[in-house]
């Protein structure tokens, strides 16, 4: 019985030892990585907005929808909380903006004119939040959803 217990303990050691060794190696690397992380400031975290479903209108006709995920970049870290507090108002303003006029490119109506849309959305941001609260707007890859043929 004792030999079976010794064998089981030895087998458990052999299974656990590589995991412990790998963990120790990672722990040895952490101080170096932590020091590097302290040196470089990544800036304020982006604030994710709820996604929008925007109509793509061409010649006064609905062609497709654009699924747009937006991230707002605060000008400073302390402004991120202010932006998060106003997300419902920003979302309402963004929905009104994308439904007010076409967001399609003039030369390719199947693509979103991202630069023009950024300018329009930034104007809405500056109406809702104090100026210079948001330093930039980013779009995740925009997904186009065509309208099914009738």
N, C-alpha and C. Protein backbone atom coordinates (compact mmCIF):
# COMPACT_ATOMS: atom_id res chain seq x y z
N UNK A 1 0.81 -1.20 0.00
CA UNK A 1 0.00 0.00 0.00
C UNK A 1 0.86 1.26 0.00
N UNK A 2 1.93 1.22 0.78
CA UNK A 2 2.80 2.38 0.88
C UNK A 2 3.46 2.68 -0.46
N UNK A 3 3.82 1.63 -1.18
CA UNK A 3 4.47 1.86 -2.47
C UNK A 3 3.50 2.46 -3.48
N UNK A 4 2.21 2.10 -3.38
CA UNK A 4 1.21 2.69 -4.29
C UNK A 4 1.04 4.16 -3.97
N UNK A 5 1.03 4.50 -2.67
CA UNK A 5 0.91 5.92 -2.29
C UNK A 5 2.13 6.71 -2.75
N UNK A 6 3.30 6.13 -2.58
CA UNK A 6 4.52 6.80 -3.02
C UNK A 6 4.52 6.99 -4.53
N UNK A 7 4.08 5.95 -5.24
CA UNK A 7 4.00 6.05 -6.70
C UNK A 7 3.00 7.13 -7.12
N UNK A 8 1.83 7.17 -6.47
CA UNK A 8 0.81 8.18 -6.78
C UNK A 8 1.33 9.58 -6.48
N UNK A 9 2.03 9.74 -5.38
CA UNK A 9 2.59 11.05 -5.04
C UNK A 9 3.64 11.46 -6.06
N UNK A 10 4.48 10.49 -6.48
CA UNK A 10 5.50 10.79 -7.47
C UNK A 10 4.88 11.15 -8.83
N UNK A 11 3.82 10.42 -9.21
CA UNK A 11 3.13 10.71 -10.47
C UNK A 11 2.47 12.09 -10.41
N UNK A 12 1.87 12.44 -9.29
CA UNK A 12 1.26 13.77 -9.15
C UNK A 12 2.33 14.85 -9.25
N UNK A 13 3.51 14.59 -8.64
CA UNK A 13 4.60 15.55 -8.72
C UNK A 13 5.03 15.77 -10.17
N UNK A 14 5.12 14.67 -10.91
CA UNK A 14 5.53 14.77 -12.31
C UNK A 14 4.51 15.55 -13.15
N UNK A 15 3.24 15.46 -12.81
CA UNK A 15 2.20 16.19 -13.54
C UNK A 15 2.19 17.66 -13.15
N UNK A 16 2.42 17.95 -11.88
CA UNK A 16 2.30 19.32 -11.39
C UNK A 16 3.58 20.11 -11.61
N UNK A 17 4.74 19.46 -11.59
CA UNK A 17 6.02 20.16 -11.68
C UNK A 17 6.14 21.04 -12.93
N UNK A 18 5.78 20.55 -14.14
CA UNK A 18 5.90 21.42 -15.32
C UNK A 18 5.02 22.67 -15.22
N UNK A 19 3.85 22.53 -14.63
CA UNK A 19 2.96 23.68 -14.47
C UNK A 19 3.58 24.69 -13.52
N UNK A 20 4.12 24.20 -12.40
CA UNK A 20 4.77 25.09 -11.44
C UNK A 20 6.00 25.76 -12.04
N UNK A 21 6.75 25.03 -12.82
CA UNK A 21 7.94 25.59 -13.46
C UNK A 21 7.55 26.69 -14.46
N UNK A 22 6.51 26.44 -15.21
CA UNK A 22 6.05 27.44 -16.18
C UNK A 22 5.54 28.68 -15.45
N UNK A 23 4.82 28.46 -14.36
CA UNK A 23 4.30 29.59 -13.57
C UNK A 23 5.45 30.41 -12.98
N UNK A 24 6.47 29.73 -12.49
CA UNK A 24 7.63 30.42 -11.92
C UNK A 24 8.36 31.23 -13.00
N UNK A 25 8.44 30.66 -14.19
CA UNK A 25 9.10 31.39 -15.30
C UNK A 25 8.32 32.64 -15.66
N UNK A 26 6.99 32.55 -15.69
CA UNK A 26 6.15 33.72 -15.98
C UNK A 26 6.29 34.76 -14.89
N UNK A 27 6.33 34.31 -13.64
CA UNK A 27 6.47 35.24 -12.51
C UNK A 27 7.80 35.96 -12.58
N UNK A 28 8.83 35.28 -13.06
CA UNK A 28 10.14 35.92 -13.19
C UNK A 28 10.13 36.99 -14.26
N UNK A 29 9.30 36.82 -15.29
CA UNK A 29 9.21 37.80 -16.37
C UNK A 29 8.39 39.02 -15.98
N UNK A 30 7.42 38.88 -15.08
CA UNK A 30 6.47 39.94 -14.76
C UNK A 30 7.11 41.25 -14.32
N UNK A 31 8.11 41.24 -13.42
CA UNK A 31 8.66 42.55 -13.02
C UNK A 31 9.22 43.34 -14.20
N UNK A 32 9.86 42.65 -15.13
CA UNK A 32 10.39 43.34 -16.31
C UNK A 32 9.24 43.93 -17.13
N UNK A 33 8.20 43.13 -17.38
CA UNK A 33 7.05 43.61 -18.14
C UNK A 33 6.33 44.73 -17.40
N UNK A 34 6.23 44.60 -16.08
CA UNK A 34 5.54 45.63 -15.30
C UNK A 34 6.31 46.95 -15.37
N UNK A 35 7.63 46.88 -15.35
CA UNK A 35 8.43 48.11 -15.46
C UNK A 35 8.24 48.75 -16.82
N UNK A 36 8.18 47.94 -17.86
CA UNK A 36 7.95 48.48 -19.19
C UNK A 36 6.58 49.12 -19.27
N UNK A 37 5.58 48.50 -18.66
CA UNK A 37 4.23 49.03 -18.66
C UNK A 37 4.14 50.35 -17.92
N UNK A 38 4.95 50.51 -16.85
CA UNK A 38 4.95 51.76 -16.11
C UNK A 38 5.57 52.88 -16.93
N UNK A 39 6.55 52.55 -17.74
CA UNK A 39 7.24 53.58 -18.51
C UNK A 39 6.37 54.16 -19.61
N UNK A 40 5.58 53.30 -20.25
CA UNK A 40 4.78 53.82 -21.36
C UNK A 40 3.32 53.96 -20.93
N UNK A 41 2.82 55.15 -21.03
CA UNK A 41 1.43 55.43 -20.68
C UNK A 41 0.60 55.23 -21.93
N UNK A 42 -0.38 54.36 -21.85
CA UNK A 42 -1.21 54.05 -23.00
C UNK A 42 -2.27 55.10 -23.26
N UNK A 43 -2.37 56.08 -22.40
CA UNK A 43 -3.36 57.13 -22.59
C UNK A 43 -4.70 56.73 -22.02
N UNK A 44 -5.69 57.58 -22.19
CA UNK A 44 -7.01 57.27 -21.63
C UNK A 44 -7.67 56.12 -22.37
N UNK A 45 -8.45 55.31 -21.65
CA UNK A 45 -9.13 54.20 -22.32
C UNK A 45 -10.28 54.69 -23.18
N UNK A 46 -10.47 54.03 -24.31
CA UNK A 46 -11.58 54.40 -25.19
C UNK A 46 -12.91 54.01 -24.55
N UNK A 47 -13.94 54.79 -24.85
CA UNK A 47 -15.28 54.51 -24.36
C UNK A 47 -16.07 53.90 -25.50
N UNK A 48 -16.53 52.66 -25.31
CA UNK A 48 -17.31 51.97 -26.34
C UNK A 48 -18.75 52.46 -26.30
N UNK A 49 -19.27 52.80 -27.45
CA UNK A 49 -20.66 53.18 -27.59
C UNK A 49 -21.46 51.96 -28.02
N UNK A 50 -22.76 51.93 -27.71
CA UNK A 50 -23.58 50.84 -28.25
C UNK A 50 -23.58 50.91 -29.79
N UNK A 51 -23.58 49.78 -30.46
CA UNK A 51 -23.54 49.80 -31.93
C UNK A 51 -24.78 50.46 -32.54
N UNK A 52 -24.59 51.03 -33.71
CA UNK A 52 -25.68 51.68 -34.45
C UNK A 52 -25.98 50.86 -35.71
N UNK A 53 -27.23 50.87 -36.10
CA UNK A 53 -27.64 50.30 -37.38
C UNK A 53 -28.10 51.47 -38.23
N UNK A 54 -27.25 51.88 -39.16
CA UNK A 54 -27.51 53.09 -39.96
C UNK A 54 -27.98 52.73 -41.36
N UNK A 55 -29.00 53.42 -41.85
CA UNK A 55 -29.48 53.14 -43.21
C UNK A 55 -28.52 53.72 -44.26
N UNK A 56 -28.32 52.97 -45.34
CA UNK A 56 -27.52 53.43 -46.47
C UNK A 56 -28.51 53.79 -47.57
N UNK A 57 -28.68 55.08 -47.80
CA UNK A 57 -29.67 55.59 -48.74
C UNK A 57 -28.95 56.04 -50.01
N UNK A 58 -29.42 55.54 -51.15
CA UNK A 58 -28.86 55.92 -52.45
C UNK A 58 -30.03 56.32 -53.34
N UNK A 59 -29.98 57.54 -53.87
CA UNK A 59 -31.05 58.07 -54.73
C UNK A 59 -32.41 57.97 -54.04
N UNK A 60 -32.46 58.38 -52.80
CA UNK A 60 -33.69 58.38 -52.00
C UNK A 60 -34.29 56.98 -51.83
N UNK A 61 -33.42 55.96 -51.90
CA UNK A 61 -33.88 54.59 -51.78
C UNK A 61 -32.98 53.84 -50.80
N UNK A 62 -33.58 53.08 -49.92
CA UNK A 62 -32.82 52.30 -48.95
C UNK A 62 -32.13 51.13 -49.64
N UNK A 63 -30.80 51.13 -49.62
CA UNK A 63 -30.02 50.08 -50.28
C UNK A 63 -29.57 49.00 -49.31
N UNK A 64 -29.12 49.42 -48.12
CA UNK A 64 -28.61 48.46 -47.13
C UNK A 64 -28.50 49.17 -45.79
N UNK A 65 -28.03 48.41 -44.81
CA UNK A 65 -27.77 48.97 -43.49
C UNK A 65 -26.29 48.80 -43.17
N UNK A 66 -25.76 49.73 -42.41
CA UNK A 66 -24.37 49.64 -41.94
C UNK A 66 -24.41 49.44 -40.43
N UNK A 67 -23.75 48.39 -39.97
CA UNK A 67 -23.64 48.10 -38.55
C UNK A 67 -22.35 48.75 -38.07
N UNK A 68 -22.47 49.80 -37.27
CA UNK A 68 -21.32 50.63 -36.90
C UNK A 68 -21.07 50.55 -35.40
N UNK A 69 -19.87 50.13 -35.04
CA UNK A 69 -19.42 50.15 -33.64
C UNK A 69 -18.47 51.32 -33.48
N UNK A 70 -18.76 52.18 -32.51
CA UNK A 70 -18.02 53.44 -32.33
C UNK A 70 -17.30 53.42 -30.99
N UNK A 71 -16.08 53.95 -31.00
CA UNK A 71 -15.32 54.17 -29.78
C UNK A 71 -14.94 55.64 -29.71
N UNK A 72 -15.17 56.23 -28.56
CA UNK A 72 -14.79 57.62 -28.33
C UNK A 72 -13.51 57.65 -27.51
N UNK A 73 -12.54 58.45 -27.94
CA UNK A 73 -11.29 58.59 -27.22
C UNK A 73 -11.34 59.87 -26.40
N UNK A 74 -11.32 59.75 -25.05
CA UNK A 74 -11.34 60.95 -24.21
C UNK A 74 -10.02 61.70 -24.33
N UNK A 75 -10.07 63.02 -24.13
CA UNK A 75 -8.84 63.80 -24.21
C UNK A 75 -7.94 63.54 -23.01
N UNK A 76 -8.53 63.23 -21.84
CA UNK A 76 -7.77 62.85 -20.66
C UNK A 76 -8.50 61.72 -19.94
N UNK A 77 -7.79 61.06 -19.02
CA UNK A 77 -8.38 59.93 -18.30
C UNK A 77 -9.62 60.33 -17.51
N UNK A 78 -9.61 61.50 -16.90
CA UNK A 78 -10.75 61.90 -16.06
C UNK A 78 -11.99 62.23 -16.88
N UNK A 79 -11.85 62.45 -18.17
CA UNK A 79 -13.01 62.75 -19.02
C UNK A 79 -13.79 61.49 -19.41
N UNK A 80 -13.18 60.31 -19.23
CA UNK A 80 -13.86 59.06 -19.61
C UNK A 80 -15.14 58.87 -18.81
N UNK A 81 -15.12 59.21 -17.53
CA UNK A 81 -16.32 59.06 -16.71
C UNK A 81 -17.42 60.00 -17.17
N UNK A 82 -17.06 61.23 -17.52
CA UNK A 82 -18.04 62.19 -18.03
C UNK A 82 -18.68 61.68 -19.32
N UNK A 83 -17.87 61.09 -20.19
CA UNK A 83 -18.40 60.54 -21.44
C UNK A 83 -19.36 59.39 -21.15
N UNK A 84 -18.97 58.49 -20.24
CA UNK A 84 -19.83 57.34 -19.90
C UNK A 84 -21.17 57.79 -19.33
N UNK A 85 -21.16 58.88 -18.57
CA UNK A 85 -22.41 59.39 -18.01
C UNK A 85 -23.36 59.88 -19.09
N UNK A 86 -22.82 60.34 -20.21
CA UNK A 86 -23.63 60.91 -21.28
C UNK A 86 -23.88 59.96 -22.45
N UNK A 87 -23.53 58.68 -22.30
CA UNK A 87 -23.70 57.72 -23.40
C UNK A 87 -25.13 57.69 -23.95
N UNK A 88 -26.19 57.68 -23.10
CA UNK A 88 -27.54 57.66 -23.69
C UNK A 88 -27.83 58.88 -24.56
N UNK A 89 -27.36 60.05 -24.15
CA UNK A 89 -27.58 61.26 -24.94
C UNK A 89 -26.75 61.24 -26.22
N UNK A 90 -25.53 60.72 -26.12
CA UNK A 90 -24.68 60.60 -27.31
C UNK A 90 -25.29 59.61 -28.30
N UNK A 91 -25.78 58.49 -27.79
CA UNK A 91 -26.39 57.49 -28.67
C UNK A 91 -27.60 58.07 -29.39
N UNK A 92 -28.42 58.82 -28.67
CA UNK A 92 -29.58 59.46 -29.29
C UNK A 92 -29.14 60.44 -30.38
N UNK A 93 -28.14 61.26 -30.08
CA UNK A 93 -27.64 62.20 -31.07
C UNK A 93 -27.04 61.51 -32.28
N UNK A 94 -26.31 60.42 -32.06
CA UNK A 94 -25.71 59.68 -33.17
C UNK A 94 -26.80 59.06 -34.05
N UNK A 95 -27.83 58.50 -33.42
CA UNK A 95 -28.93 57.91 -34.21
C UNK A 95 -29.62 58.96 -35.07
N UNK A 96 -29.85 60.12 -34.48
CA UNK A 96 -30.47 61.20 -35.26
C UNK A 96 -29.56 61.64 -36.42
N UNK A 97 -28.26 61.68 -36.17
CA UNK A 97 -27.31 62.13 -37.19
C UNK A 97 -27.23 61.15 -38.36
N UNK A 98 -27.18 59.84 -38.09
CA UNK A 98 -27.05 58.88 -39.19
C UNK A 98 -28.35 58.72 -39.97
N UNK A 99 -29.47 59.12 -39.37
CA UNK A 99 -30.75 59.04 -40.08
C UNK A 99 -31.13 60.36 -40.75
N UNK A 100 -30.39 61.43 -40.45
CA UNK A 100 -30.71 62.75 -41.01
C UNK A 100 -30.33 62.83 -42.49
N UNK A 101 -29.17 62.32 -42.84
CA UNK A 101 -28.68 62.39 -44.22
C UNK A 101 -27.88 61.12 -44.51
N UNK A 102 -27.64 60.87 -45.77
CA UNK A 102 -26.92 59.66 -46.18
C UNK A 102 -25.50 59.66 -45.62
N UNK A 103 -25.03 58.47 -45.25
CA UNK A 103 -23.65 58.32 -44.77
C UNK A 103 -22.79 57.62 -45.81
N UNK A 104 -23.34 57.39 -47.00
CA UNK A 104 -22.63 56.68 -48.07
C UNK A 104 -21.65 57.62 -48.77
N UNK A 105 -20.58 57.02 -49.29
CA UNK A 105 -19.63 57.79 -50.08
C UNK A 105 -20.29 58.22 -51.38
N UNK A 106 -19.90 59.37 -51.89
CA UNK A 106 -20.50 59.89 -53.12
C UNK A 106 -20.13 59.03 -54.33
N UNK A 107 -18.87 58.58 -54.40
CA UNK A 107 -18.43 57.81 -55.58
C UNK A 107 -18.67 56.30 -55.43
N UNK A 108 -18.93 55.83 -54.21
CA UNK A 108 -19.23 54.41 -54.00
C UNK A 108 -20.32 54.29 -52.94
N UNK A 109 -21.58 54.24 -53.37
CA UNK A 109 -22.69 54.25 -52.43
C UNK A 109 -22.79 52.99 -51.55
N UNK A 110 -21.94 52.00 -51.78
CA UNK A 110 -21.97 50.80 -50.95
C UNK A 110 -20.96 50.87 -49.81
N UNK A 111 -20.29 52.00 -49.66
CA UNK A 111 -19.32 52.20 -48.58
C UNK A 111 -19.72 53.40 -47.74
N UNK A 112 -19.37 53.34 -46.46
CA UNK A 112 -19.63 54.45 -45.55
C UNK A 112 -18.51 55.47 -45.70
N UNK A 113 -18.87 56.73 -45.82
CA UNK A 113 -17.89 57.82 -45.87
C UNK A 113 -17.46 58.11 -44.43
N UNK A 114 -16.44 57.40 -43.99
CA UNK A 114 -16.04 57.43 -42.58
C UNK A 114 -15.55 58.81 -42.14
N UNK A 115 -14.80 59.48 -42.96
CA UNK A 115 -14.27 60.80 -42.56
C UNK A 115 -15.40 61.81 -42.39
N UNK A 116 -16.34 61.82 -43.32
CA UNK A 116 -17.48 62.74 -43.21
C UNK A 116 -18.33 62.39 -42.00
N UNK A 117 -18.52 61.09 -41.77
CA UNK A 117 -19.32 60.66 -40.62
C UNK A 117 -18.65 61.03 -39.31
N UNK A 118 -17.34 60.90 -39.24
CA UNK A 118 -16.60 61.31 -38.03
C UNK A 118 -16.81 62.78 -37.73
N UNK A 119 -16.75 63.60 -38.77
CA UNK A 119 -16.96 65.05 -38.57
C UNK A 119 -18.37 65.33 -38.06
N UNK A 120 -19.36 64.67 -38.65
CA UNK A 120 -20.75 64.88 -38.22
C UNK A 120 -20.97 64.41 -36.79
N UNK A 121 -20.42 63.24 -36.44
CA UNK A 121 -20.58 62.73 -35.09
C UNK A 121 -19.82 63.57 -34.07
N UNK A 122 -18.65 64.08 -34.46
CA UNK A 122 -17.88 64.93 -33.55
C UNK A 122 -18.63 66.23 -33.29
N UNK A 123 -19.33 66.74 -34.29
CA UNK A 123 -20.14 67.95 -34.08
C UNK A 123 -21.24 67.65 -33.05
N UNK A 124 -21.86 66.47 -33.14
CA UNK A 124 -22.87 66.07 -32.15
C UNK A 124 -22.27 65.93 -30.76
N UNK A 125 -21.09 65.33 -30.69
CA UNK A 125 -20.40 65.17 -29.40
C UNK A 125 -20.18 66.53 -28.75
N UNK A 126 -19.74 67.50 -29.56
CA UNK A 126 -19.46 68.84 -29.02
C UNK A 126 -20.73 69.60 -28.63
N UNK A 127 -21.90 69.18 -29.13
CA UNK A 127 -23.16 69.76 -28.69
C UNK A 127 -23.57 69.20 -27.33
N UNK A 128 -23.22 67.95 -27.07
CA UNK A 128 -23.67 67.26 -25.86
C UNK A 128 -22.66 67.40 -24.71
N UNK A 129 -21.39 67.31 -25.04
CA UNK A 129 -20.32 67.39 -24.04
C UNK A 129 -19.55 68.69 -24.19
N UNK A 130 -18.85 69.12 -23.15
CA UNK A 130 -18.00 70.31 -23.31
C UNK A 130 -16.95 70.08 -24.40
N UNK A 131 -16.62 71.15 -25.11
CA UNK A 131 -15.66 71.05 -26.21
C UNK A 131 -14.33 70.50 -25.68
N UNK A 132 -13.66 69.70 -26.50
CA UNK A 132 -12.37 69.07 -26.19
C UNK A 132 -12.47 67.98 -25.12
N UNK A 133 -13.65 67.46 -24.86
CA UNK A 133 -13.78 66.31 -23.97
C UNK A 133 -13.37 65.04 -24.71
N UNK A 134 -13.75 64.96 -25.98
CA UNK A 134 -13.42 63.80 -26.82
C UNK A 134 -12.37 64.25 -27.84
N UNK A 135 -11.26 63.50 -27.88
CA UNK A 135 -10.19 63.87 -28.81
C UNK A 135 -10.30 63.13 -30.14
N UNK A 136 -11.08 62.05 -30.20
CA UNK A 136 -11.20 61.33 -31.46
C UNK A 136 -12.31 60.31 -31.44
N UNK A 137 -12.71 59.91 -32.63
CA UNK A 137 -13.73 58.88 -32.82
C UNK A 137 -13.12 57.78 -33.69
N UNK A 138 -13.31 56.55 -33.25
CA UNK A 138 -12.82 55.40 -34.01
C UNK A 138 -14.00 54.51 -34.37
N UNK A 139 -13.90 53.88 -35.53
CA UNK A 139 -14.89 52.90 -35.95
C UNK A 139 -14.25 51.53 -35.96
N UNK A 140 -14.96 50.55 -35.42
CA UNK A 140 -14.56 49.16 -35.62
C UNK A 140 -14.90 48.86 -37.08
N UNK A 141 -14.43 47.75 -37.64
CA UNK A 141 -14.81 47.46 -39.02
C UNK A 141 -16.33 47.50 -39.20
N UNK A 142 -16.75 48.27 -40.19
CA UNK A 142 -18.17 48.46 -40.45
C UNK A 142 -18.69 47.29 -41.28
N UNK A 143 -19.79 46.71 -40.82
CA UNK A 143 -20.39 45.55 -41.50
C UNK A 143 -21.61 46.04 -42.28
N UNK A 144 -21.64 45.74 -43.56
CA UNK A 144 -22.76 46.11 -44.41
C UNK A 144 -23.75 44.95 -44.48
N UNK A 145 -25.04 45.28 -44.32
CA UNK A 145 -26.10 44.29 -44.40
C UNK A 145 -27.04 44.66 -45.51
N UNK A 146 -27.03 43.91 -46.63
CA UNK A 146 -27.92 44.25 -47.74
C UNK A 146 -29.38 43.98 -47.41
N UNK A 147 -30.24 44.69 -48.10
CA UNK A 147 -31.68 44.49 -47.98
C UNK A 147 -32.06 43.28 -48.83
N UNK A 148 -32.88 42.41 -48.29
CA UNK A 148 -33.32 41.23 -49.05
C UNK A 148 -34.21 41.66 -50.20
N UNK A 149 -34.06 40.99 -51.34
CA UNK A 149 -34.89 41.28 -52.51
C UNK A 149 -36.34 40.94 -52.22
N UNK A 150 -37.24 41.78 -52.70
CA UNK A 150 -38.67 41.57 -52.44
C UNK A 150 -39.36 40.94 -53.63
